[in-house]
Amino acid sequence: MTTARQVLESKESQAIYSIQPGATVYSALQLMAEKGIGALLVMEHGKIVGILSERDYARKVILMQRTSRDTLVRDIMTTAVIYVRPDQTTEECMALMTQHRLRHLPVMEGDELLGLLSIGDLVKGIISEQRFIIEQLEQYITGGGR
């Protein structure tokens, strides 16, 4: 089974984007748009203190009639950050995402942040793993593996 570490290693970009809790939501949105991502880790003194997603923006700024230029990241970020260890399987990661309705999971080894997995990263990894299994089964069935 594929692990969170393996999915991270297979990603095209290993970059981790973050923002300070005192930054404006507008600057966070600019960074997300520039990088083509849907969430940012909120970091303070090298530690994760939250995560900010497009969903946080939609629900806590737009619907609350706030403005992104006047609202700080700390005011709308999700503070209960759920993370996974690098040895957890893609299936375990997907189960957590489904259970908690998440689209992003930080991967932590002890206190060290290794990366951020999106649901797209996990789906891509699962499809790749299934494709490999199917190819192996086809070779076994047709006798190509002998």
Protein backbone atom coordinates (compact mmCIF):
# COMPACT_ATOMS: atom_id res chain seq x y z
CA MET A 1 0.00 0.00 0.00
CA THR A 2 1.13 3.50 -0.81
CA THR A 3 2.01 5.74 2.13
CA ALA A 4 1.67 9.48 2.66
CA ARG A 5 5.46 9.76 2.35
CA GLN A 6 5.42 8.05 -1.06
CA VAL A 7 2.64 10.33 -2.30
CA LEU A 8 4.61 13.39 -1.13
CA GLU A 9 7.74 12.13 -2.90
CA SER A 10 5.80 11.60 -6.15
CA LYS A 11 4.36 15.13 -6.20
CA GLU A 12 5.66 17.39 -8.94
CA SER A 13 6.12 20.22 -6.47
CA GLN A 14 7.31 19.63 -2.94
CA ALA A 15 6.81 23.30 -2.03
CA ILE A 16 4.96 24.09 1.19
CA TYR A 17 3.19 27.42 1.18
CA SER A 18 2.27 29.16 4.40
CA ILE A 19 1.18 32.47 5.81
CA GLN A 20 1.35 34.24 9.18
CA PRO A 21 -1.82 34.48 11.29
CA GLY A 22 -1.55 38.28 11.32
CA ALA A 23 -1.64 38.58 7.52
CA THR A 24 -4.80 39.74 5.79
CA VAL A 25 -7.09 37.24 4.15
CA TYR A 26 -6.61 39.23 0.95
CA SER A 27 -2.87 38.52 0.94
CA ALA A 28 -3.58 34.85 1.63
CA LEU A 29 -5.97 34.74 -1.33
CA GLN A 30 -3.37 36.42 -3.53
CA LEU A 31 -0.79 33.78 -2.59
CA MET A 32 -3.24 30.92 -3.19
CA ALA A 33 -4.19 32.34 -6.60
CA GLU A 34 -0.54 32.92 -7.55
CA LYS A 35 0.46 29.36 -6.62
CA GLY A 36 -2.74 27.70 -7.87
CA ILE A 37 -3.52 26.09 -4.53
CA GLY A 38 -6.64 25.82 -2.37
CA ALA A 39 -5.17 26.06 1.11
CA LEU A 40 -2.30 27.52 3.11
CA LEU A 41 -0.78 26.37 6.34
CA VAL A 42 -0.82 29.10 8.96
CA MET A 43 2.58 29.14 10.63
CA GLU A 44 3.95 31.06 13.59
CA HIS A 45 7.47 30.61 14.94
CA GLY A 46 7.93 27.54 12.73
CA LYS A 47 4.83 25.78 14.10
CA ILE A 48 1.47 25.08 12.48
CA VAL A 49 -1.20 27.12 14.24
CA GLY A 50 -3.94 26.63 11.67
CA ILE A 51 -4.90 26.07 8.08
CA LEU A 52 -6.73 28.45 5.77
CA SER A 53 -8.75 27.10 2.87
CA GLU A 54 -10.97 28.51 0.17
CA ARG A 55 -13.85 27.02 2.15
CA ASP A 56 -12.87 29.08 5.23
CA TYR A 57 -12.93 32.19 3.05
CA ALA A 58 -16.29 31.42 1.51
CA ARG A 59 -17.97 30.60 4.82
CA LYS A 60 -16.29 33.04 7.18
CA VAL A 61 -15.71 36.12 5.04
CA ILE A 62 -18.20 36.25 2.18
CA LEU A 63 -21.18 34.82 4.06
CA MET A 64 -20.40 36.85 7.21
CA GLN A 65 -20.22 40.06 5.12
CA ARG A 66 -16.60 40.73 6.04
CA THR A 67 -13.97 42.04 3.65
CA SER A 68 -10.81 40.14 2.82
CA ARG A 69 -8.68 43.30 3.07
CA ASP A 70 -9.82 44.00 6.66
CA THR A 71 -10.03 40.45 8.00
CA LEU A 72 -6.97 38.70 9.42
CA VAL A 73 -6.11 35.09 8.72
CA ARG A 74 -6.24 34.29 12.47
CA ASP A 75 -9.90 35.36 12.53
CA ILE A 76 -11.06 32.75 10.02
CA MET A 77 -8.44 29.97 9.96
CA THR A 78 -9.24 26.47 11.11
CA THR A 79 -7.27 25.89 14.30
CA ALA A 80 -8.00 22.20 14.85
CA VAL A 81 -5.55 20.95 12.23
CA ILE A 82 -5.75 17.24 11.55
CA TYR A 83 -2.54 15.73 10.24
CA VAL A 84 -1.12 12.35 9.27
CA ARG A 85 2.19 10.57 9.80
CA PRO A 86 4.31 9.69 6.76
CA ASP A 87 3.75 5.95 7.24
CA GLN A 88 -0.03 6.18 7.06
CA THR A 89 -1.60 4.69 3.93
CA THR A 90 -3.48 6.60 1.28
CA GLU A 91 -6.59 4.71 2.36
CA GLU A 92 -6.17 5.96 5.94
CA CYS A 93 -5.63 9.51 4.67
CA MET A 94 -8.75 9.34 2.47
CA ALA A 95 -10.78 7.96 5.39
CA LEU A 96 -9.70 10.92 7.56
CA MET A 97 -10.53 13.37 4.80
CA THR A 98 -13.94 11.83 4.29
CA GLN A 99 -14.73 11.61 8.00
CA HIS A 100 -13.72 15.21 8.71
CA ARG A 101 -14.69 16.66 5.31
CA LEU A 102 -11.18 17.88 4.59
CA ARG A 103 -9.37 18.56 1.34
CA HIS A 104 -5.85 19.01 2.77
CA LEU A 105 -3.74 17.08 5.28
CA PRO A 106 -0.34 18.12 6.62
CA VAL A 107 2.15 15.26 6.90
CA MET A 108 4.10 15.45 10.16
CA GLU A 109 6.99 13.40 11.47
CA GLY A 110 7.25 14.30 15.12
CA ASP A 111 7.41 18.11 15.13
CA GLU A 112 8.70 18.30 11.55
CA LEU A 113 6.37 19.29 8.73
CA LEU A 114 7.13 17.12 5.68
CA GLY A 115 4.49 18.42 3.33
CA LEU A 116 0.83 18.97 2.58
CA LEU A 117 -1.36 16.43 0.80
CA SER A 118 -4.45 17.43 -1.12
CA ILE A 119 -7.30 15.13 -1.95
CA GLY A 120 -6.15 15.36 -5.57
CA ASP A 121 -2.69 14.08 -4.61
CA LEU A 122 -4.24 11.10 -2.85
CA VAL A 123 -6.64 10.26 -5.69
CA LYS A 124 -3.78 10.41 -8.17
CA GLY A 125 -1.73 8.08 -5.96
CA ILE A 126 -4.58 5.62 -5.52
CA ILE A 127 -5.27 5.53 -9.27
CA SER A 128 -1.58 4.92 -9.96
CA GLU A 129 -1.48 2.08 -7.42
CA GLN A 130 -4.63 0.49 -8.86
CA ARG A 131 -3.26 0.76 -12.40
CA PHE A 132 -0.10 -1.06 -11.28
CA ILE A 133 -2.14 -3.83 -9.63
CA ILE A 134 -4.30 -4.25 -12.73
CA GLU A 135 -1.20 -4.52 -14.94
CA GLN A 136 0.28 -7.14 -12.62
CA LEU A 137 -2.95 -9.15 -12.65
CA GLU A 138 -3.19 -8.94 -16.44
CA GLN A 139 0.37 -10.24 -16.76
CA TYR A 140 -0.39 -13.07 -14.34
CA ILE A 141 -3.59 -14.03 -16.17
CA THR A 142 -2.00 -13.97 -19.62
CA GLY A 143 1.12 -15.78 -18.44
CA GLY A 144 3.35 -12.81 -19.17
CA GLY A 145 4.90 -13.00 -15.73
CA ARG A 146 6.42 -16.50 -16.21
